[in-house]
Amino acid sequence: MTDSLTLTAEGLIRAIAGVGFGSDAVREFLYTGGPVLLLIFLVTLILWFLIAERFWFFVMQSKPYGQQLVNQWNALPDHHSWSAQVTREKLLSEARLKFSAMLGMIRTLIAIAPLLGLLGTVSGMIEVFDVIAFSGSSNVRAMASGISKCTLSTMAGLVVAISGVYFINLLQRYSERSIQQLSDQMQTQADSSPIPNTGLEAQYAS
């Protein structure tokens, strides 16, 4: 069962490397890294797709979307009442959800990448120990294959995680800055005024 899964994963690696890349070095890298490196490769594709989508949103769509919310705020007949403040908080909450969309998924993929690298390290060491158990330490070529899976998968997982941490922090700053700009544009003189007591609060106040 394990051998069939390994052969299937190796076939996928060859197919992806052959179709998506023309470089023999990249094909060899994916093939040498083993099945776990394929998982890291797929995680990396999803991660960078989401990062690119977020950058596209902040560059091309965030300003029109923010202006749309500001226009909704400016269209209100009254900006100083309690209901206006509730509407303002509602618009800002919608903006937070929009600006922070997919950031949680990006953080999850960043956390998964080094764990997959650790999984590749463990699977590579198991392969090395299997070679030592069956043929001793004389089969250097088979041992080198397991060691390659250890090092390549670990390196790939760390590289993906380190680069992803930089960009998620950058996207987080963009999100917080955009929300703060919207909050400033919707600022009113009545923001610091107390909210009138209603219901039970009015009873306690009396």
N, C-alpha and C. Protein backbone atom coordinates (compact mmCIF):
# COMPACT_ATOMS: atom_id res chain seq x y z
N MET A 1 0.83 -1.21 0.00
CA MET A 1 0.00 0.00 0.00
C MET A 1 0.86 1.25 0.00
N THR A 2 1.86 1.27 0.88
CA THR A 2 2.75 2.42 0.96
C THR A 2 3.54 2.60 -0.32
N ASP A 3 4.00 1.45 -0.89
CA ASP A 3 4.75 1.54 -2.15
C ASP A 3 3.88 2.07 -3.28
N SER A 4 2.61 1.67 -3.32
CA SER A 4 1.74 2.16 -4.39
C SER A 4 1.48 3.65 -4.24
N LEU A 5 1.29 4.12 -2.98
CA LEU A 5 1.10 5.56 -2.77
C LEU A 5 2.34 6.34 -3.16
N THR A 6 3.51 5.78 -2.85
CA THR A 6 4.75 6.45 -3.22
C THR A 6 4.90 6.54 -4.72
N LEU A 7 4.58 5.44 -5.42
CA LEU A 7 4.67 5.45 -6.88
C LEU A 7 3.68 6.44 -7.48
N THR A 8 2.48 6.52 -6.91
CA THR A 8 1.49 7.48 -7.40
C THR A 8 1.97 8.90 -7.20
N ALA A 9 2.51 9.20 -6.03
CA ALA A 9 3.02 10.54 -5.76
C ALA A 9 4.19 10.89 -6.68
N GLU A 10 5.06 9.91 -6.92
CA GLU A 10 6.17 10.16 -7.83
C GLU A 10 5.67 10.42 -9.25
N GLY A 11 4.60 9.70 -9.64
CA GLY A 11 4.03 9.96 -10.95
C GLY A 11 3.45 11.36 -11.06
N LEU A 12 2.80 11.82 -9.99
CA LEU A 12 2.27 13.18 -9.99
C LEU A 12 3.39 14.20 -10.06
N ILE A 13 4.47 13.95 -9.34
CA ILE A 13 5.61 14.86 -9.38
C ILE A 13 6.16 14.96 -10.80
N ARG A 14 6.31 13.82 -11.45
CA ARG A 14 6.83 13.84 -12.81
C ARG A 14 5.87 14.56 -13.76
N ALA A 15 4.57 14.34 -13.57
CA ALA A 15 3.60 14.98 -14.45
C ALA A 15 3.60 16.49 -14.27
N ILE A 16 3.57 16.94 -13.00
CA ILE A 16 3.56 18.38 -12.74
C ILE A 16 4.86 19.02 -13.20
N ALA A 17 5.97 18.36 -12.89
CA ALA A 17 7.26 18.92 -13.30
C ALA A 17 7.39 18.96 -14.80
N GLY A 18 6.89 17.93 -15.48
CA GLY A 18 7.01 17.90 -16.93
C GLY A 18 6.11 18.88 -17.63
N VAL A 19 4.90 19.10 -17.07
CA VAL A 19 3.96 20.01 -17.71
C VAL A 19 4.23 21.45 -17.34
N GLY A 20 4.46 21.71 -16.05
CA GLY A 20 4.56 23.08 -15.58
C GLY A 20 5.93 23.70 -15.70
N PHE A 21 6.97 22.92 -15.86
CA PHE A 21 8.32 23.46 -15.87
C PHE A 21 9.11 22.84 -17.01
N GLY A 22 9.96 23.64 -17.60
CA GLY A 22 10.81 23.14 -18.65
C GLY A 22 12.22 22.87 -18.19
N SER A 23 12.52 23.27 -16.96
CA SER A 23 13.88 23.13 -16.46
C SER A 23 14.08 21.73 -15.89
N ASP A 24 15.15 21.07 -16.32
CA ASP A 24 15.47 19.75 -15.77
C ASP A 24 15.84 19.84 -14.30
N ALA A 25 16.44 20.97 -13.90
CA ALA A 25 16.84 21.12 -12.50
C ALA A 25 15.61 21.17 -11.58
N VAL A 26 14.54 21.85 -12.03
CA VAL A 26 13.33 21.92 -11.22
C VAL A 26 12.66 20.55 -11.15
N ARG A 27 12.65 19.84 -12.28
CA ARG A 27 12.08 18.48 -12.27
C ARG A 27 12.84 17.58 -11.30
N GLU A 28 14.13 17.66 -11.35
CA GLU A 28 14.95 16.83 -10.48
C GLU A 28 14.73 17.20 -9.02
N PHE A 29 14.57 18.50 -8.77
CA PHE A 29 14.33 18.96 -7.40
C PHE A 29 13.03 18.40 -6.85
N LEU A 30 11.96 18.46 -7.64
CA LEU A 30 10.67 17.93 -7.18
C LEU A 30 10.71 16.42 -7.03
N TYR A 31 11.38 15.75 -7.96
CA TYR A 31 11.43 14.29 -7.90
C TYR A 31 12.27 13.81 -6.71
N THR A 32 13.39 14.50 -6.46
CA THR A 32 14.28 14.09 -5.37
C THR A 32 13.64 14.35 -4.01
N GLY A 33 12.83 15.41 -3.91
CA GLY A 33 12.22 15.75 -2.62
C GLY A 33 11.17 14.78 -2.14
N GLY A 34 10.61 13.98 -3.02
CA GLY A 34 9.64 12.98 -2.60
C GLY A 34 8.21 13.51 -2.53
N PRO A 35 7.29 12.67 -2.06
CA PRO A 35 5.86 13.04 -2.04
C PRO A 35 5.56 14.26 -1.18
N VAL A 36 6.27 14.44 -0.07
CA VAL A 36 5.98 15.58 0.81
C VAL A 36 6.31 16.89 0.11
N LEU A 37 7.34 16.90 -0.70
CA LEU A 37 7.69 18.11 -1.43
C LEU A 37 6.59 18.49 -2.41
N LEU A 38 5.89 17.50 -2.94
CA LEU A 38 4.74 17.78 -3.79
C LEU A 38 3.64 18.49 -3.01
N LEU A 39 3.39 18.05 -1.77
CA LEU A 39 2.39 18.72 -0.94
C LEU A 39 2.81 20.16 -0.65
N ILE A 40 4.08 20.36 -0.36
CA ILE A 40 4.57 21.72 -0.12
C ILE A 40 4.42 22.57 -1.37
N PHE A 41 4.65 21.96 -2.52
CA PHE A 41 4.50 22.68 -3.78
C PHE A 41 3.04 23.10 -3.99
N LEU A 42 2.09 22.22 -3.70
CA LEU A 42 0.68 22.56 -3.85
C LEU A 42 0.27 23.64 -2.84
N VAL A 43 0.73 23.53 -1.60
CA VAL A 43 0.45 24.56 -0.60
C VAL A 43 1.01 25.91 -1.03
N THR A 44 2.22 25.88 -1.62
CA THR A 44 2.83 27.12 -2.08
C THR A 44 2.02 27.77 -3.20
N LEU A 45 1.50 26.96 -4.12
CA LEU A 45 0.67 27.50 -5.20
C LEU A 45 -0.57 28.19 -4.64
N ILE A 46 -1.25 27.53 -3.71
CA ILE A 46 -2.45 28.12 -3.11
C ILE A 46 -2.10 29.38 -2.33
N LEU A 47 -1.00 29.32 -1.56
CA LEU A 47 -0.59 30.46 -0.75
C LEU A 47 -0.32 31.69 -1.60
N TRP A 48 0.46 31.52 -2.66
CA TRP A 48 0.82 32.69 -3.48
C TRP A 48 -0.34 33.16 -4.34
N PHE A 49 -1.25 32.28 -4.65
CA PHE A 49 -2.47 32.73 -5.33
C PHE A 49 -3.28 33.65 -4.42
N LEU A 50 -3.44 33.27 -3.15
CA LEU A 50 -4.18 34.09 -2.21
C LEU A 50 -3.47 35.41 -1.94
N ILE A 51 -2.13 35.36 -1.80
CA ILE A 51 -1.38 36.60 -1.58
C ILE A 51 -1.51 37.53 -2.78
N ALA A 52 -1.41 36.99 -3.99
CA ALA A 52 -1.57 37.81 -5.19
C ALA A 52 -2.97 38.41 -5.27
N GLU A 53 -3.98 37.63 -4.90
CA GLU A 53 -5.35 38.14 -4.92
C GLU A 53 -5.53 39.29 -3.95
N ARG A 54 -4.92 39.19 -2.76
CA ARG A 54 -5.03 40.26 -1.78
C ARG A 54 -4.32 41.53 -2.25
N PHE A 55 -3.15 41.38 -2.85
CA PHE A 55 -2.45 42.55 -3.38
C PHE A 55 -3.25 43.18 -4.51
N TRP A 56 -3.86 42.36 -5.35
CA TRP A 56 -4.70 42.88 -6.43
C TRP A 56 -5.87 43.68 -5.85
N PHE A 57 -6.45 43.16 -4.76
CA PHE A 57 -7.57 43.86 -4.15
C PHE A 57 -7.12 45.21 -3.60
N PHE A 58 -6.02 45.25 -2.86
CA PHE A 58 -5.58 46.50 -2.25
C PHE A 58 -5.13 47.51 -3.29
N VAL A 59 -4.58 47.06 -4.41
CA VAL A 59 -4.11 47.99 -5.43
C VAL A 59 -5.24 48.47 -6.31
N MET A 60 -6.15 47.58 -6.70
CA MET A 60 -7.15 47.91 -7.72
C MET A 60 -8.56 48.14 -7.16
N GLN A 61 -8.92 47.52 -6.05
CA GLN A 61 -10.31 47.53 -5.62
C GLN A 61 -10.56 48.19 -4.27
N SER A 62 -9.53 48.35 -3.44
CA SER A 62 -9.77 48.85 -2.08
C SER A 62 -10.26 50.30 -2.08
N LYS A 63 -9.67 51.15 -2.93
CA LYS A 63 -10.09 52.55 -2.95
C LYS A 63 -11.52 52.73 -3.45
N PRO A 64 -11.91 52.10 -4.59
CA PRO A 64 -13.32 52.21 -4.99
C PRO A 64 -14.29 51.65 -3.94
N TYR A 65 -13.90 50.55 -3.31
CA TYR A 65 -14.77 49.98 -2.28
C TYR A 65 -14.88 50.91 -1.08
N GLY A 66 -13.75 51.47 -0.66
CA GLY A 66 -13.78 52.41 0.45
C GLY A 66 -14.59 53.66 0.13
N GLN A 67 -14.45 54.16 -1.09
CA GLN A 67 -15.22 55.33 -1.50
C GLN A 67 -16.71 55.04 -1.52
N GLN A 68 -17.06 53.82 -1.89
CA GLN A 68 -18.47 53.42 -1.87
C GLN A 68 -19.04 53.48 -0.45
N LEU A 69 -18.27 53.01 0.53
CA LEU A 69 -18.73 53.07 1.91
C LEU A 69 -18.81 54.51 2.40
N VAL A 70 -17.85 55.33 2.00
CA VAL A 70 -17.88 56.74 2.40
C VAL A 70 -19.09 57.44 1.80
N ASN A 71 -19.41 57.10 0.57
CA ASN A 71 -20.59 57.69 -0.07
C ASN A 71 -21.87 57.29 0.67
N GLN A 72 -21.94 56.04 1.12
CA GLN A 72 -23.10 55.62 1.90
C GLN A 72 -23.20 56.41 3.20
N TRP A 73 -22.04 56.67 3.80
CA TRP A 73 -22.03 57.47 5.03
C TRP A 73 -22.43 58.91 4.75
N ASN A 74 -21.91 59.48 3.70
CA ASN A 74 -22.24 60.87 3.38
C ASN A 74 -23.70 61.04 2.96
N ALA A 75 -24.30 59.97 2.46
CA ALA A 75 -25.70 60.05 2.02
C ALA A 75 -26.68 60.08 3.19
N LEU A 76 -26.22 59.79 4.39
CA LEU A 76 -27.11 59.83 5.54
C LEU A 76 -27.53 61.26 5.83
N PRO A 77 -28.78 61.48 6.16
CA PRO A 77 -29.22 62.85 6.44
C PRO A 77 -28.66 63.41 7.75
N ASP A 78 -28.32 62.53 8.68
CA ASP A 78 -27.84 62.97 9.99
C ASP A 78 -26.61 62.15 10.36
N HIS A 79 -25.54 62.84 10.75
CA HIS A 79 -24.29 62.17 11.12
C HIS A 79 -24.02 62.24 12.62
N HIS A 80 -24.94 62.79 13.41
CA HIS A 80 -24.67 63.05 14.82
C HIS A 80 -25.58 62.26 15.75
N SER A 81 -26.54 61.54 15.21
CA SER A 81 -27.46 60.80 16.05
C SER A 81 -26.87 59.44 16.42
N TRP A 82 -27.55 58.78 17.35
CA TRP A 82 -27.11 57.45 17.77
C TRP A 82 -27.24 56.45 16.63
N SER A 83 -28.33 56.52 15.86
CA SER A 83 -28.52 55.61 14.73
C SER A 83 -27.44 55.80 13.67
N ALA A 84 -26.99 57.06 13.50
CA ALA A 84 -25.90 57.31 12.54
C ALA A 84 -24.61 56.64 13.00
N GLN A 85 -24.36 56.67 14.30
CA GLN A 85 -23.17 56.03 14.82
C GLN A 85 -23.23 54.50 14.65
N VAL A 86 -24.42 53.94 14.82
CA VAL A 86 -24.60 52.50 14.60
C VAL A 86 -24.33 52.16 13.14
N THR A 87 -24.83 52.99 12.23
CA THR A 87 -24.58 52.78 10.80
C THR A 87 -23.10 52.88 10.49
N ARG A 88 -22.43 53.84 11.12
CA ARG A 88 -20.99 54.00 10.90
C ARG A 88 -20.21 52.76 11.34
N GLU A 89 -20.55 52.22 12.51
CA GLU A 89 -19.89 51.01 12.99
C GLU A 89 -20.19 49.83 12.08
N LYS A 90 -21.40 49.78 11.54
CA LYS A 90 -21.76 48.70 10.62
C LYS A 90 -20.91 48.78 9.35
N LEU A 91 -20.74 49.98 8.79
CA LEU A 91 -19.94 50.15 7.59
C LEU A 91 -18.47 49.79 7.85
N LEU A 92 -17.97 50.21 9.01
CA LEU A 92 -16.57 49.87 9.34
C LEU A 92 -16.40 48.38 9.57
N SER A 93 -17.39 47.71 10.13
CA SER A 93 -17.31 46.26 10.32
C SER A 93 -17.29 45.54 8.96
N GLU A 94 -18.11 46.01 8.03
CA GLU A 94 -18.09 45.44 6.69
C GLU A 94 -16.72 45.64 6.04
N ALA A 95 -16.13 46.80 6.25
CA ALA A 95 -14.80 47.07 5.67
C ALA A 95 -13.75 46.16 6.29
N ARG A 96 -13.82 45.92 7.59
CA ARG A 96 -12.85 45.03 8.24
C ARG A 96 -12.94 43.62 7.67
N LEU A 97 -14.17 43.15 7.48
CA LEU A 97 -14.34 41.80 6.91
C LEU A 97 -13.79 41.75 5.48
N LYS A 98 -14.02 42.79 4.71
CA LYS A 98 -13.57 42.81 3.32
C LYS A 98 -12.05 42.90 3.24
N PHE A 99 -11.46 43.79 4.03
CA PHE A 99 -10.02 44.01 3.95
C PHE A 99 -9.21 42.85 4.54
N SER A 100 -9.79 42.15 5.51
CA SER A 100 -9.07 41.04 6.14
C SER A 100 -9.46 39.68 5.59
N ALA A 101 -10.22 39.66 4.50
CA ALA A 101 -10.63 38.38 3.90
C ALA A 101 -9.41 37.60 3.44
N MET A 102 -9.42 36.32 3.68
CA MET A 102 -8.38 35.36 3.28
C MET A 102 -7.08 35.50 4.08
N LEU A 103 -6.96 36.50 4.94
CA LEU A 103 -5.72 36.62 5.72
C LEU A 103 -5.58 35.45 6.70
N GLY A 104 -6.70 35.00 7.25
CA GLY A 104 -6.64 33.84 8.13
C GLY A 104 -6.20 32.58 7.40
N MET A 105 -6.70 32.39 6.19
CA MET A 105 -6.29 31.23 5.39
C MET A 105 -4.81 31.32 5.04
N ILE A 106 -4.32 32.52 4.72
CA ILE A 106 -2.91 32.69 4.40
C ILE A 106 -2.05 32.34 5.61
N ARG A 107 -2.45 32.79 6.79
CA ARG A 107 -1.70 32.45 8.01
C ARG A 107 -1.68 30.94 8.24
N THR A 108 -2.81 30.28 7.98
CA THR A 108 -2.87 28.83 8.16
C THR A 108 -1.91 28.12 7.22
N LEU A 109 -1.87 28.53 5.96
CA LEU A 109 -0.96 27.89 5.00
C LEU A 109 0.50 28.15 5.37
N ILE A 110 0.78 29.35 5.88
CA ILE A 110 2.15 29.66 6.32
C ILE A 110 2.55 28.74 7.47
N ALA A 111 1.61 28.47 8.37
CA ALA A 111 1.91 27.58 9.50
C ALA A 111 2.04 26.13 9.06
N ILE A 112 1.30 25.74 8.02
CA ILE A 112 1.34 24.36 7.55
C ILE A 112 2.66 24.04 6.84
N ALA A 113 3.22 25.01 6.12
CA ALA A 113 4.41 24.75 5.30
C ALA A 113 5.58 24.16 6.09
N PRO A 114 6.02 24.77 7.22
CA PRO A 114 7.13 24.14 7.95
C PRO A 114 6.77 22.82 8.58
N LEU A 115 5.48 22.62 8.91
CA LEU A 115 5.06 21.32 9.44
C LEU A 115 5.17 20.24 8.38
N LEU A 116 4.83 20.59 7.13
CA LEU A 116 5.04 19.63 6.05
C LEU A 116 6.52 19.35 5.84
N GLY A 117 7.34 20.38 5.99
CA GLY A 117 8.78 20.17 5.91
C GLY A 117 9.27 19.21 6.98
N LEU A 118 8.73 19.35 8.19
CA LEU A 118 9.08 18.42 9.27
C LEU A 118 8.60 17.01 8.96
N LEU A 119 7.42 16.90 8.35
CA LEU A 119 6.93 15.59 7.93
C LEU A 119 7.86 14.95 6.90
N GLY A 120 8.35 15.76 5.96
CA GLY A 120 9.32 15.25 5.00
C GLY A 120 10.61 14.80 5.66
N THR A 121 11.02 15.54 6.69
CA THR A 121 12.23 15.14 7.42
C THR A 121 12.05 13.78 8.09
N VAL A 122 10.89 13.61 8.73
CA VAL A 122 10.64 12.34 9.42
C VAL A 122 10.54 11.19 8.43
N SER A 123 9.81 11.40 7.33
CA SER A 123 9.68 10.32 6.34
C SER A 123 11.03 10.00 5.70
N GLY A 124 11.85 10.99 5.46
CA GLY A 124 13.18 10.74 4.91
C GLY A 124 14.07 9.96 5.87
N MET A 125 14.00 10.30 7.16
CA MET A 125 14.78 9.56 8.14
C MET A 125 14.29 8.12 8.28
N ILE A 126 12.98 7.92 8.17
CA ILE A 126 12.46 6.54 8.21
C ILE A 126 13.01 5.75 7.03
N GLU A 127 13.08 6.39 5.87
CA GLU A 127 13.63 5.71 4.71
C GLU A 127 15.10 5.36 4.92
N VAL A 128 15.85 6.27 5.52
CA VAL A 128 17.27 6.00 5.80
C VAL A 128 17.41 4.83 6.77
N PHE A 129 16.59 4.82 7.81
CA PHE A 129 16.67 3.73 8.78
C PHE A 129 16.26 2.40 8.17
N ASP A 130 15.30 2.42 7.24
CA ASP A 130 14.92 1.18 6.56
C ASP A 130 16.08 0.64 5.74
N VAL A 131 16.80 1.55 5.06
CA VAL A 131 17.96 1.11 4.27
C VAL A 131 19.03 0.51 5.17
N ILE A 132 19.28 1.17 6.31
CA ILE A 132 20.29 0.66 7.24
C ILE A 132 19.87 -0.70 7.81
N ALA A 133 18.57 -0.85 8.07
CA ALA A 133 18.08 -2.11 8.66
C ALA A 133 18.21 -3.27 7.69
N PHE A 134 17.98 -3.02 6.38
CA PHE A 134 17.98 -4.12 5.42
C PHE A 134 19.35 -4.36 4.79
N SER A 135 20.10 -3.31 4.55
CA SER A 135 21.36 -3.50 3.83
C SER A 135 22.56 -2.91 4.56
N GLY A 136 22.36 -2.43 5.79
CA GLY A 136 23.47 -1.84 6.52
C GLY A 136 23.81 -0.46 5.99
N SER A 137 24.94 0.03 6.36
CA SER A 137 25.37 1.37 5.95
C SER A 137 26.17 1.36 4.66
N SER A 138 26.21 0.23 3.96
CA SER A 138 27.00 0.14 2.73
C SER A 138 26.28 0.73 1.52
N ASN A 139 24.94 0.75 1.57
CA ASN A 139 24.16 1.26 0.43
C ASN A 139 24.04 2.78 0.55
N VAL A 140 25.09 3.44 0.13
CA VAL A 140 25.15 4.90 0.29
C VAL A 140 24.14 5.59 -0.62
N ARG A 141 23.91 5.05 -1.79
CA ARG A 141 22.99 5.69 -2.74
C ARG A 141 21.55 5.72 -2.20
N ALA A 142 21.10 4.63 -1.63
CA ALA A 142 19.75 4.58 -1.07
C ALA A 142 19.64 5.49 0.15
N MET A 143 20.69 5.56 0.96
CA MET A 143 20.69 6.45 2.11
C MET A 143 20.66 7.91 1.67
N ALA A 144 21.36 8.22 0.60
CA ALA A 144 21.38 9.60 0.11
C ALA A 144 20.01 10.05 -0.35
N SER A 145 19.22 9.12 -0.88
CA SER A 145 17.87 9.46 -1.31
C SER A 145 17.01 9.91 -0.13
N GLY A 146 17.09 9.17 0.97
CA GLY A 146 16.33 9.55 2.16
C GLY A 146 16.81 10.86 2.76
N ILE A 147 18.13 11.07 2.77
CA ILE A 147 18.68 12.32 3.32
C ILE A 147 18.26 13.51 2.45
N SER A 148 18.22 13.30 1.13
CA SER A 148 17.76 14.38 0.24
C SER A 148 16.33 14.76 0.54
N LYS A 149 15.47 13.78 0.79
CA LYS A 149 14.08 14.09 1.13
C LYS A 149 14.00 14.86 2.44
N CYS A 150 14.88 14.54 3.38
CA CYS A 150 14.90 15.27 4.65
C CYS A 150 15.24 16.74 4.45
N THR A 151 16.35 16.98 3.78
CA THR A 151 16.87 18.34 3.66
C THR A 151 16.03 19.20 2.71
N LEU A 152 15.64 18.64 1.57
CA LEU A 152 14.91 19.44 0.58
C LEU A 152 13.53 19.85 1.08
N SER A 153 12.81 18.92 1.68
CA SER A 153 11.47 19.25 2.18
C SER A 153 11.53 20.24 3.33
N THR A 154 12.51 20.07 4.22
CA THR A 154 12.66 21.02 5.33
C THR A 154 13.00 22.41 4.80
N MET A 155 13.94 22.48 3.87
CA MET A 155 14.33 23.76 3.30
C MET A 155 13.16 24.42 2.59
N ALA A 156 12.41 23.66 1.79
CA ALA A 156 11.28 24.22 1.06
C ALA A 156 10.20 24.74 2.01
N GLY A 157 9.89 23.98 3.06
CA GLY A 157 8.89 24.43 4.02
C GLY A 157 9.29 25.70 4.73
N LEU A 158 10.56 25.82 5.10
CA LEU A 158 11.03 27.02 5.79
C LEU A 158 11.05 28.22 4.87
N VAL A 159 11.47 28.02 3.62
CA VAL A 159 11.50 29.14 2.66
C VAL A 159 10.09 29.68 2.41
N VAL A 160 9.13 28.78 2.24
CA VAL A 160 7.74 29.21 2.03
C VAL A 160 7.22 29.96 3.25
N ALA A 161 7.50 29.44 4.45
CA ALA A 161 7.00 30.07 5.66
C ALA A 161 7.64 31.44 5.89
N ILE A 162 8.96 31.55 5.70
CA ILE A 162 9.64 32.82 5.94
C ILE A 162 9.15 33.90 4.97
N SER A 163 9.07 33.55 3.69
CA SER A 163 8.59 34.53 2.72
C SER A 163 7.12 34.88 2.97
N GLY A 164 6.32 33.89 3.37
CA GLY A 164 4.91 34.15 3.65
C GLY A 164 4.70 35.06 4.84
N VAL A 165 5.54 34.92 5.88
CA VAL A 165 5.42 35.78 7.06
C VAL A 165 5.62 37.24 6.68
N TYR A 166 6.58 37.53 5.82
CA TYR A 166 6.82 38.92 5.40
C TYR A 166 5.59 39.50 4.71
N PHE A 167 5.02 38.75 3.79
CA PHE A 167 3.91 39.27 3.00
C PHE A 167 2.62 39.33 3.82
N ILE A 168 2.41 38.42 4.76
CA ILE A 168 1.19 38.50 5.56
C ILE A 168 1.26 39.71 6.48
N ASN A 169 2.44 40.05 6.98
CA ASN A 169 2.59 41.26 7.78
C ASN A 169 2.34 42.51 6.93
N LEU A 170 2.82 42.49 5.69
CA LEU A 170 2.59 43.61 4.79
C LEU A 170 1.10 43.77 4.49
N LEU A 171 0.41 42.67 4.23
CA LEU A 171 -1.02 42.73 3.96
C LEU A 171 -1.80 43.17 5.20
N GLN A 172 -1.36 42.74 6.36
CA GLN A 172 -2.03 43.15 7.59
C GLN A 172 -1.90 44.66 7.80
N ARG A 173 -0.74 45.23 7.50
CA ARG A 173 -0.55 46.68 7.62
C ARG A 173 -1.44 47.42 6.62
N TYR A 174 -1.53 46.92 5.40
CA TYR A 174 -2.41 47.53 4.41
C TYR A 174 -3.86 47.52 4.91
N SER A 175 -4.28 46.39 5.47
CA SER A 175 -5.65 46.28 5.95
C SER A 175 -5.92 47.27 7.07
N GLU A 176 -5.04 47.31 8.07
CA GLU A 176 -5.25 48.23 9.19
C GLU A 176 -5.19 49.68 8.74
N ARG A 177 -4.30 50.02 7.81
CA ARG A 177 -4.22 51.39 7.33
C ARG A 177 -5.48 51.78 6.57
N SER A 178 -6.01 50.89 5.75
CA SER A 178 -7.22 51.19 4.99
C SER A 178 -8.41 51.40 5.91
N ILE A 179 -8.53 50.56 6.93
CA ILE A 179 -9.63 50.71 7.88
C ILE A 179 -9.51 52.01 8.66
N GLN A 180 -8.29 52.37 9.04
CA GLN A 180 -8.09 53.62 9.77
C GLN A 180 -8.43 54.83 8.90
N GLN A 181 -8.08 54.79 7.62
CA GLN A 181 -8.43 55.88 6.73
C GLN A 181 -9.94 56.01 6.58
N LEU A 182 -10.65 54.88 6.46
CA LEU A 182 -12.10 54.94 6.40
C LEU A 182 -12.69 55.51 7.68
N SER A 183 -12.14 55.08 8.82
CA SER A 183 -12.64 55.58 10.09
C SER A 183 -12.44 57.09 10.20
N ASP A 184 -11.29 57.59 9.72
CA ASP A 184 -11.05 59.03 9.75
C ASP A 184 -11.99 59.79 8.84
N GLN A 185 -12.28 59.22 7.67
CA GLN A 185 -13.18 59.89 6.74
C GLN A 185 -14.62 59.91 7.24
N MET A 186 -14.98 58.95 8.09
CA MET A 186 -16.32 58.92 8.65
C MET A 186 -16.39 59.53 10.04
N GLN A 187 -15.35 60.21 10.45
CA GLN A 187 -15.29 60.79 11.78
C GLN A 187 -16.32 61.90 11.91
N THR A 188 -16.97 61.97 13.04
CA THR A 188 -17.94 63.03 13.32
C THR A 188 -17.67 63.63 14.69
N GLN A 189 -18.24 64.77 14.93
CA GLN A 189 -18.06 65.42 16.22
C GLN A 189 -18.80 64.70 17.34
N ALA A 190 -19.75 63.88 16.95
CA ALA A 190 -20.56 63.20 17.96
C ALA A 190 -20.01 61.84 18.35
N ASP A 191 -18.78 61.49 17.84
CA ASP A 191 -18.23 60.17 18.14
C ASP A 191 -18.03 59.95 19.63
N SER A 192 -17.64 61.03 20.34
CA SER A 192 -17.35 60.88 21.76
C SER A 192 -18.56 61.14 22.65
N SER A 193 -19.70 61.44 22.06
CA SER A 193 -20.90 61.71 22.85
C SER A 193 -21.46 60.40 23.38
N PRO A 194 -22.03 60.41 24.61
CA PRO A 194 -22.55 59.16 25.18
C PRO A 194 -23.78 58.68 24.43
N ILE A 195 -23.94 57.37 24.40
CA ILE A 195 -25.10 56.76 23.78
C ILE A 195 -26.27 56.85 24.75
N PRO A 196 -27.44 57.32 24.30
CA PRO A 196 -28.57 57.46 25.24
C PRO A 196 -28.99 56.13 25.83
N ASN A 197 -29.42 56.17 27.10
CA ASN A 197 -29.86 54.96 27.79
C ASN A 197 -31.22 54.54 27.29
N THR A 198 -31.38 53.25 27.06
CA THR A 198 -32.67 52.70 26.64
C THR A 198 -32.93 51.42 27.39
N GLY A 199 -34.19 51.06 27.55
CA GLY A 199 -34.54 49.77 28.16
C GLY A 199 -34.11 49.69 29.60
N LEU A 200 -33.35 48.60 29.93
CA LEU A 200 -32.90 48.38 31.31
C LEU A 200 -31.96 49.47 31.77
N GLU A 201 -31.13 50.00 30.83
CA GLU A 201 -30.21 51.06 31.22
C GLU A 201 -30.96 52.29 31.70
N ALA A 202 -32.10 52.60 31.05
CA ALA A 202 -32.90 53.75 31.49
C ALA A 202 -33.48 53.51 32.87
N GLN A 203 -33.89 52.26 33.15
CA GLN A 203 -34.44 51.95 34.46
C GLN A 203 -33.40 52.11 35.56
N TYR A 204 -32.16 51.60 35.28
CA TYR A 204 -31.11 51.73 36.28
C TYR A 204 -30.72 53.20 36.46
N ALA A 205 -30.77 53.96 35.36
CA ALA A 205 -30.39 55.35 35.44
C ALA A 205 -31.39 56.13 36.28
N SER A 206 -32.69 55.73 36.21
CA SER A 206 -33.70 56.41 37.00
C SER A 206 -33.63 56.00 38.49
